[in-house]
Amino acid sequence: MALVKVILVSGADVEIETTSAQADDMVAAFARYAFEKRVPEKRTILTPSQSVYVDYSKVAIVRREF
């Protein structure tokens, strides 16, 4: 398991517990968005019954904690 910390432009932060592969994908998607301004898929499926939507235009930092 991994912890992803999403810090919004407003200063608020959200922690998302997910698998290592999903955490890496979320960080990479934000990096691509920041570099290329290409909007990634906003929905990330965490488990069969849980998903999260991230609007990268409102995000300042996405980092993997562990």
Protein backbone atom coordinates (compact mmCIF):
# COMPACT_ATOMS: atom_id res chain seq x y z
CA MET A 1 0.00 0.00 0.00
CA ALA A 2 1.03 3.59 -0.60
CA LEU A 3 -0.16 6.98 0.57
CA VAL A 4 -0.64 9.77 -1.98
CA LYS A 5 -0.87 13.33 -0.69
CA VAL A 6 -2.72 15.75 -2.99
CA ILE A 7 -2.22 19.40 -2.06
CA LEU A 8 -4.73 21.76 -3.63
CA VAL A 9 -4.02 25.30 -4.82
CA SER A 10 -6.18 26.52 -1.93
CA GLY A 11 -3.73 24.91 0.53
CA ALA A 12 -6.02 22.09 1.62
CA ASP A 13 -4.64 18.59 1.39
CA VAL A 14 -6.14 15.16 0.82
CA GLU A 15 -4.53 11.81 1.57
CA ILE A 16 -5.44 8.78 -0.53
CA GLU A 17 -4.40 5.27 0.42
CA THR A 18 -3.93 3.09 -2.65
CA THR A 19 -1.67 0.47 -4.20
CA SER A 20 1.90 1.33 -5.15
CA ALA A 21 1.14 1.09 -8.87
CA GLN A 22 -1.89 3.38 -8.60
CA ALA A 23 0.13 5.87 -6.53
CA ASP A 24 2.84 5.94 -9.18
CA ASP A 25 0.20 6.42 -11.89
CA MET A 26 -1.40 9.35 -10.06
CA VAL A 27 1.94 11.11 -9.58
CA ALA A 28 2.88 10.47 -13.22
CA ALA A 29 -0.50 11.73 -14.46
CA PHE A 30 -0.07 14.99 -12.56
CA ALA A 31 3.49 15.39 -13.85
CA ARG A 32 2.27 14.93 -17.43
CA TYR A 33 -0.51 17.45 -16.82
CA ALA A 34 1.92 20.01 -15.37
CA PHE A 35 4.47 19.54 -18.16
CA GLU A 36 2.29 19.01 -21.23
CA LYS A 37 -1.01 20.55 -20.06
CA ARG A 38 -2.62 17.31 -21.25
CA VAL A 39 -5.62 16.56 -19.07
CA PRO A 40 -5.40 12.99 -17.74
CA GLU A 41 -8.31 10.75 -16.88
CA LYS A 42 -9.79 12.26 -13.71
CA ARG A 43 -11.24 9.05 -12.31
CA THR A 44 -8.96 6.61 -10.52
CA ILE A 45 -10.51 3.32 -9.45
CA LEU A 46 -9.07 2.35 -6.08
CA THR A 47 -11.07 -0.82 -5.44
CA PRO A 48 -14.11 -2.35 -7.13
CA SER A 49 -16.31 -0.25 -4.83
CA GLN A 50 -14.20 2.92 -4.46
CA SER A 51 -12.95 5.53 -6.89
CA VAL A 52 -11.64 9.07 -6.67
CA TYR A 53 -11.95 12.03 -9.04
CA VAL A 54 -9.09 14.54 -9.18
CA ASP A 55 -9.39 17.87 -11.01
CA TYR A 56 -5.71 18.47 -11.76
CA SER A 57 -6.35 22.12 -12.66
CA LYS A 58 -6.99 22.76 -8.94
CA VAL A 59 -3.99 20.76 -7.70
CA ALA A 60 -0.62 22.27 -6.71
CA ILE A 61 1.31 19.12 -5.72
CA VAL A 62 0.80 15.36 -5.88
CA ARG A 63 3.35 13.28 -4.02
CA ARG A 64 3.73 9.74 -2.85
CA GLU A 65 4.47 9.42 0.84
CA PHE A 66 5.46 5.73 1.01
